[in-house]
C-alpha atoms as a PDB file:
ATOM      1  CA  MET A   1      22.071 -57.571  78.013  1.00  0.00           C
ATOM      2  CA  LYS A   2      19.540 -54.987  79.414  1.00  0.00           C
ATOM      3  CA  GLY A   3      22.063 -52.692  80.647  1.00  0.00           C
ATOM      4  CA  PHE A   4      24.336 -53.051  77.304  1.00  0.00           C
ATOM      5  CA  ILE A   5      20.991 -52.160  75.301  1.00  0.00           C
ATOM      6  CA  GLN A   6      20.233 -49.289  77.563  1.00  0.00           C
ATOM      7  CA  SER A   7      23.896 -47.657  78.098  1.00  0.00           C
ATOM      8  CA  VAL A   8      23.525 -47.890  73.787  1.00  0.00           C
ATOM      9  CA  PHE A   9      20.712 -45.912  73.461  1.00  0.00           C
ATOM     10  CA  LEU A  10      21.829 -43.388  76.024  1.00  0.00           C
ATOM     11  CA  THR A  11      24.683 -42.738  74.275  1.00  0.00           C
ATOM     12  CA  LEU A  12      22.966 -42.656  70.795  1.00  0.00           C
ATOM     13  CA  PHE A  13      20.834 -39.891  72.725  1.00  0.00           C
ATOM     14  CA  LEU A  14      23.592 -37.777  74.089  1.00  0.00           C
ATOM     15  CA  LEU A  15      25.629 -38.175  70.798  1.00  0.00           C
ATOM     16  CA  SER A  16      22.191 -36.106  68.854  1.00  0.00           C
ATOM     17  CA  CYS A  17      23.066 -33.438  71.091  1.00  0.00           C
ATOM     18  CA  SER A  18      25.974 -32.781  69.457  1.00  0.00           C
ATOM     19  CA  ARG A  19      27.741 -31.175  66.125  1.00  0.00           C
ATOM     20  CA  PRO A  20      29.951 -33.785  63.996  1.00  0.00           C
ATOM     21  CA  THR A  21      33.773 -32.142  63.884  1.00  0.00           C
ATOM     22  CA  LYS A  22      34.515 -30.728  60.362  1.00  0.00           C
ATOM     23  CA  LEU A  23      37.855 -32.991  59.971  1.00  0.00           C
ATOM     24  CA  LYS A  24      36.986 -35.974  57.657  1.00  0.00           C
ATOM     25  CA  VAL A  25      39.134 -38.987  56.805  1.00  0.00           C
ATOM     26  CA  GLY A  26      42.102 -38.611  54.727  1.00  0.00           C
ATOM     27  CA  ASP A  27      42.938 -34.790  56.766  1.00  0.00           C
ATOM     28  CA  VAL A  28      46.310 -34.437  58.280  1.00  0.00           C
ATOM     29  CA  ALA A  29      45.566 -34.537  62.172  1.00  0.00           C
ATOM     30  CA  PRO A  30      45.851 -31.500  63.499  1.00  0.00           C
ATOM     31  CA  ASP A  31      49.344 -30.893  65.826  1.00  0.00           C
ATOM     32  CA  PHE A  32      49.095 -30.377  69.123  1.00  0.00           C
ATOM     33  CA  THR A  33      50.888 -29.756  72.571  1.00  0.00           C
ATOM     34  CA  SER A  34      49.649 -30.115  75.904  1.00  0.00           C
ATOM     35  CA  LYS A  35      50.691 -31.567  79.430  1.00  0.00           C
ATOM     36  CA  ASP A  36      49.510 -34.811  80.064  1.00  0.00           C
ATOM     37  CA  GLN A  37      48.262 -36.185  83.722  1.00  0.00           C
ATOM     38  CA  ASP A  38      51.738 -35.904  85.354  1.00  0.00           C
ATOM     39  CA  GLY A  39      52.598 -32.538  83.757  1.00  0.00           C
ATOM     40  CA  LYS A  40      54.434 -33.962  80.941  1.00  0.00           C
ATOM     41  CA  ILE A  41      54.905 -32.065  77.128  1.00  0.00           C
ATOM     42  CA  VAL A  42      52.550 -34.131  74.984  1.00  0.00           C
ATOM     43  CA  THR A  43      52.729 -33.591  71.337  1.00  0.00           C
ATOM     44  CA  LEU A  44      50.800 -34.748  68.667  1.00  0.00           C
ATOM     45  CA  SER A  45      53.766 -35.208  66.374  1.00  0.00           C
ATOM     46  CA  SER A  46      56.168 -36.666  68.227  1.00  0.00           C
ATOM     47  CA  PHE A  47      53.694 -40.059  67.680  1.00  0.00           C
ATOM     48  CA  LYS A  48      54.279 -40.094  63.955  1.00  0.00           C
ATOM     49  CA  GLY A  49      55.161 -43.216  62.547  1.00  0.00           C
ATOM     50  CA  LYS A  50      52.255 -44.716  65.080  1.00  0.00           C
ATOM     51  CA  LYS A  51      48.670 -45.630  64.832  1.00  0.00           C
ATOM     52  CA  VAL A  52      47.108 -43.262  67.225  1.00  0.00           C
ATOM     53  CA  ILE A  53      43.455 -43.487  68.878  1.00  0.00           C
ATOM     54  CA  LEU A  54      42.949 -39.981  70.041  1.00  0.00           C
ATOM     55  CA  TYR A  55      40.009 -40.135  71.927  1.00  0.00           C
ATOM     56  CA  PHE A  56      37.883 -37.047  73.509  1.00  0.00           C
ATOM     57  CA  TYR A  57      35.734 -37.962  76.355  1.00  0.00           C
ATOM     58  CA  PRO A  58      33.126 -35.244  78.594  1.00  0.00           C
ATOM     59  CA  LYS A  59      34.723 -35.245  82.153  1.00  0.00           C
ATOM     60  CA  ASP A  60      37.016 -37.572  84.479  1.00  0.00           C
ATOM     61  CA  ASN A  61      34.941 -39.870  86.901  1.00  0.00           C
ATOM     62  CA  THR A  62      31.548 -39.900  85.195  1.00  0.00           C
ATOM     63  CA  PRO A  63      29.676 -42.889  84.261  1.00  0.00           C
ATOM     64  CA  GLY A  64      29.944 -43.006  80.468  1.00  0.00           C
ATOM     65  CA  CYS A  65      33.741 -42.018  80.736  1.00  0.00           C
ATOM     66  CA  THR A  66      34.709 -44.347  82.882  1.00  0.00           C
ATOM     67  CA  LYS A  67      33.145 -46.986  81.113  1.00  0.00           C
ATOM     68  CA  GLU A  68      34.885 -45.485  77.975  1.00  0.00           C
ATOM     69  CA  ALA A  69      38.466 -45.652  79.641  1.00  0.00           C
ATOM     70  CA  CYS A  70      37.700 -48.716  81.768  1.00  0.00           C
ATOM     71  CA  ASN A  71      37.059 -50.396  78.529  1.00  0.00           C
ATOM     72  CA  PHE A  72      39.952 -49.120  76.763  1.00  0.00           C
ATOM     73  CA  ARG A  73      42.113 -50.286  79.494  1.00  0.00           C
ATOM     74  CA  ASP A  74      40.625 -53.883  79.922  1.00  0.00           C
ATOM     75  CA  ASN A  75      41.850 -54.334  76.087  1.00  0.00           C
ATOM     76  CA  TYR A  76      44.725 -52.538  75.920  1.00  0.00           C
ATOM     77  CA  GLU A  77      46.788 -55.262  75.030  1.00  0.00           C
ATOM     78  CA  LEU A  78      44.946 -56.193  72.318  1.00  0.00           C
ATOM     79  CA  LEU A  79      45.382 -52.599  70.797  1.00  0.00           C
ATOM     80  CA  GLN A  80      48.880 -52.490  71.967  1.00  0.00           C
ATOM     81  CA  LYS A  81      49.119 -55.827  69.362  1.00  0.00           C
ATOM     82  CA  ASP A  82      47.161 -54.069  66.865  1.00  0.00           C
ATOM     83  CA  GLY A  83      50.060 -50.942  66.936  1.00  0.00           C
ATOM     84  CA  TYR A  84      47.587 -48.698  68.967  1.00  0.00           C
ATOM     85  CA  THR A  85      49.204 -45.549  70.910  1.00  0.00           C
ATOM     86  CA  VAL A  86      46.085 -44.297  73.072  1.00  0.00           C
ATOM     87  CA  LEU A  87      45.827 -40.747  74.052  1.00  0.00           C
ATOM     88  CA  GLY A  88      42.647 -39.384  75.690  1.00  0.00           C
ATOM     89  CA  VAL A  89      41.812 -35.600  75.893  1.00  0.00           C
ATOM     90  CA  SER A  90      39.098 -33.750  78.082  1.00  0.00           C
ATOM     91  CA  SER A  91      39.020 -30.296  79.606  1.00  0.00           C
ATOM     92  CA  ASP A  92      39.866 -31.576  83.028  1.00  0.00           C
ATOM     93  CA  ASP A  93      43.475 -30.771  84.738  1.00  0.00           C
ATOM     94  CA  GLU A  94      46.205 -32.337  85.293  1.00  0.00           C
ATOM     95  CA  ALA A  95      45.473 -33.286  88.760  1.00  0.00           C
ATOM     96  CA  SER A  96      41.718 -34.486  87.534  1.00  0.00           C
ATOM     97  CA  HIS A  97      43.486 -36.955  85.182  1.00  0.00           C
ATOM     98  CA  ARG A  98      45.967 -38.214  87.623  1.00  0.00           C
ATOM     99  CA  ILE A  99      43.407 -39.113  90.257  1.00  0.00           C
ATOM    100  CA  PHE A 100      41.308 -40.503  87.443  1.00  0.00           C
ATOM    101  CA  LYS A 101      44.092 -42.711  85.546  1.00  0.00           C
ATOM    102  CA  ASN A 102      45.371 -43.924  89.086  1.00  0.00           C
ATOM    103  CA  GLN A 103      42.026 -44.772  90.569  1.00  0.00           C
ATOM    104  CA  PHE A 104      40.897 -47.052  87.399  1.00  0.00           C
ATOM    105  CA  ARG A 105      44.465 -48.474  87.135  1.00  0.00           C
ATOM    106  CA  LEU A 106      44.404 -46.600  83.087  1.00  0.00           C
ATOM    107  CA  PRO A 107      47.715 -47.731  81.030  1.00  0.00           C
ATOM    108  CA  PHE A 108      47.417 -45.084  78.653  1.00  0.00           C
ATOM    109  CA  THR A 109      48.303 -40.997  78.490  1.00  0.00           C
ATOM    110  CA  LEU A 110      45.553 -38.763  79.328  1.00  0.00           C
ATOM    111  CA  ILE A 111      46.120 -35.185  78.156  1.00  0.00           C
ATOM    112  CA  ALA A 112      44.865 -32.073  80.064  1.00  0.00           C
ATOM    113  CA  ASP A 113      43.118 -29.065  77.665  1.00  0.00           C
ATOM    114  CA  VAL A 114      42.051 -26.798  79.771  1.00  0.00           C
ATOM    115  CA  ASP A 115      42.425 -23.890  77.489  1.00  0.00           C
ATOM    116  CA  LYS A 116      40.662 -26.110  75.095  1.00  0.00           C
ATOM    117  CA  SER A 117      42.565 -25.657  72.242  1.00  0.00           C
ATOM    118  CA  ILE A 118      42.904 -29.004  70.978  1.00  0.00           C
ATOM    119  CA  HIS A 119      38.957 -29.113  71.266  1.00  0.00           C
ATOM    120  CA  GLU A 120      38.876 -26.217  68.683  1.00  0.00           C
ATOM    121  CA  LYS A 121      41.345 -27.565  66.156  1.00  0.00           C
ATOM    122  CA  TYR A 122      39.510 -31.224  66.011  1.00  0.00           C
ATOM    123  CA  GLY A 123      35.691 -29.715  66.557  1.00  0.00           C
ATOM    124  CA  THR A 124      35.109 -31.309  69.593  1.00  0.00           C
ATOM    125  CA  TRP A 125      34.357 -28.116  71.924  1.00  0.00           C
ATOM    126  CA  VAL A 126      30.165 -28.367  70.559  1.00  0.00           C
ATOM    127  CA  GLU A 127      27.698 -26.784  71.911  1.00  0.00           C
ATOM    128  CA  LYS A 128      24.847 -29.218  73.918  1.00  0.00           C
ATOM    129  CA  GLU A 129      21.699 -29.259  75.576  1.00  0.00           C
ATOM    130  CA  ARG A 130      20.188 -31.086  78.314  1.00  0.00           C
ATOM    131  CA  GLY A 131      16.749 -30.442  79.696  1.00  0.00           C
ATOM    132  CA  GLY A 132      16.388 -27.376  78.023  1.00  0.00           C
ATOM    133  CA  GLU A 133      19.397 -25.420  78.621  1.00  0.00           C
ATOM    134  CA  LYS A 134      22.327 -25.026  76.581  1.00  0.00           C
ATOM    135  CA  PHE A 135      25.742 -25.443  77.291  1.00  0.00           C
ATOM    136  CA  MET A 136      29.131 -26.037  75.787  1.00  0.00           C
ATOM    137  CA  GLY A 137      30.959 -29.247  76.232  1.00  0.00           C
ATOM    138  CA  THR A 138      32.846 -32.067  74.838  1.00  0.00           C
ATOM    139  CA  SER A 139      31.694 -34.093  71.849  1.00  0.00           C
ATOM    140  CA  ARG A 140      32.899 -37.665  72.505  1.00  0.00           C
ATOM    141  CA  VAL A 141      34.567 -38.188  69.366  1.00  0.00           C
ATOM    142  CA  THR A 142      37.273 -40.690  68.563  1.00  0.00           C
ATOM    143  CA  PHE A 143      39.843 -40.033  65.966  1.00  0.00           C
ATOM    144  CA  ILE A 144      42.235 -42.978  64.580  1.00  0.00           C
ATOM    145  CA  ILE A 145      45.417 -41.481  63.318  1.00  0.00           C
ATOM    146  CA  ASP A 146      47.236 -43.584  60.986  1.00  0.00           C
ATOM    147  CA  GLU A 147      51.249 -43.977  60.735  1.00  0.00           C
ATOM    148  CA  ASN A 148      51.464 -40.625  58.808  1.00  0.00           C
ATOM    149  CA  GLY A 149      49.384 -38.474  60.748  1.00  0.00           C
ATOM    150  CA  LEU A 150      46.666 -38.342  58.609  1.00  0.00           C
ATOM    151  CA  ILE A 151      43.124 -39.390  60.095  1.00  0.00           C
ATOM    152  CA  SER A 152      41.741 -42.616  58.509  1.00  0.00           C
ATOM    153  CA  GLU A 153      38.850 -43.047  60.890  1.00  0.00           C
ATOM    154  CA  ILE A 154      36.185 -40.965  62.920  1.00  0.00           C
ATOM    155  CA  ILE A 155      33.955 -42.767  65.330  1.00  0.00           C
ATOM    156  CA  ASP A 156      31.378 -40.237  65.795  1.00  0.00           C
ATOM    157  CA  GLU A 157      28.727 -42.474  67.765  1.00  0.00           C
ATOM    158  CA  VAL A 158      30.715 -43.947  70.475  1.00  0.00           C
ATOM    159  CA  ILE A 159      29.467 -46.514  72.500  1.00  0.00           C
ATOM    160  CA  PRO A 160      31.561 -46.258  76.072  1.00  0.00           C
ATOM    161  CA  SER A 161      30.955 -49.710  77.043  1.00  0.00           C
ATOM    162  CA  ALA A 162      32.368 -51.199  73.886  1.00  0.00           C
ATOM    163  CA  HIS A 163      34.135 -48.901  71.878  1.00  0.00           C
ATOM    164  CA  THR A 164      37.407 -50.947  71.270  1.00  0.00           C
ATOM    165  CA  GLU A 165      34.631 -53.639  69.223  1.00  0.00           C
ATOM    166  CA  GLN A 166      34.080 -50.366  67.535  1.00  0.00           C
ATOM    167  CA  ILE A 167      37.627 -49.485  66.427  1.00  0.00           C
ATOM    168  CA  ARG A 168      38.229 -53.203  65.740  1.00  0.00           C
ATOM    169  CA  LYS A 169      35.333 -53.258  63.937  1.00  0.00           C
ATOM    170  CA  GLU A 170      34.148 -56.220  65.859  1.00  0.00           C
ATOM    171  CA  PHE A 171      30.553 -55.415  65.367  1.00  0.00           C
END
C-alpha cells in the first residue's frame, strides 16, 4: 500500500510539470499515420467503429511507463470485453517498441512517433522541468475515443499502476 501511495504522489508531481492538451471532450480525434513496433502502418481512422484507448507515454522501459503498460497488459481481457482497442504512443522508435513489447509480453500495439507529429496533433509534446532544467518531452495523457472517432474522455492525471481502473472508473 505504501508503494502504491508513493507511486500516486510521484505521478501527480510529474503531471504538475506538464501542460494539459488543447483538445477537449467532443472533439474529433486527429487522424494520424505512423508505424507500429513491427514496421506496419497504423492509422487511427482504421479503428473507426471501435472504442480506442490512445495513451501517450514518455519512454519504453522506464519505471512509470512499464507500470502503465503492464497494467494494461494485466487487464487487457477486461478492456477487450469493454470493447476497447489499446494503442500506446511514444517518441521511441520501432526497435525500442519491439523490445519493450516482447520483454513485457504486451498484447497491444505500440506506435512509434519519432518525428513527434502525433504528439503535436494531440498536444502531448510539452515543456517539462526536472531539477531546475527545462526540456521537451511527452506528457502522460490518455484519450478515450468512441466508435465515431470523437474524444469521449481525456485523462491527464494518469496513475500508471492503476490506469485501467481509472478508465473503467473503479475508483
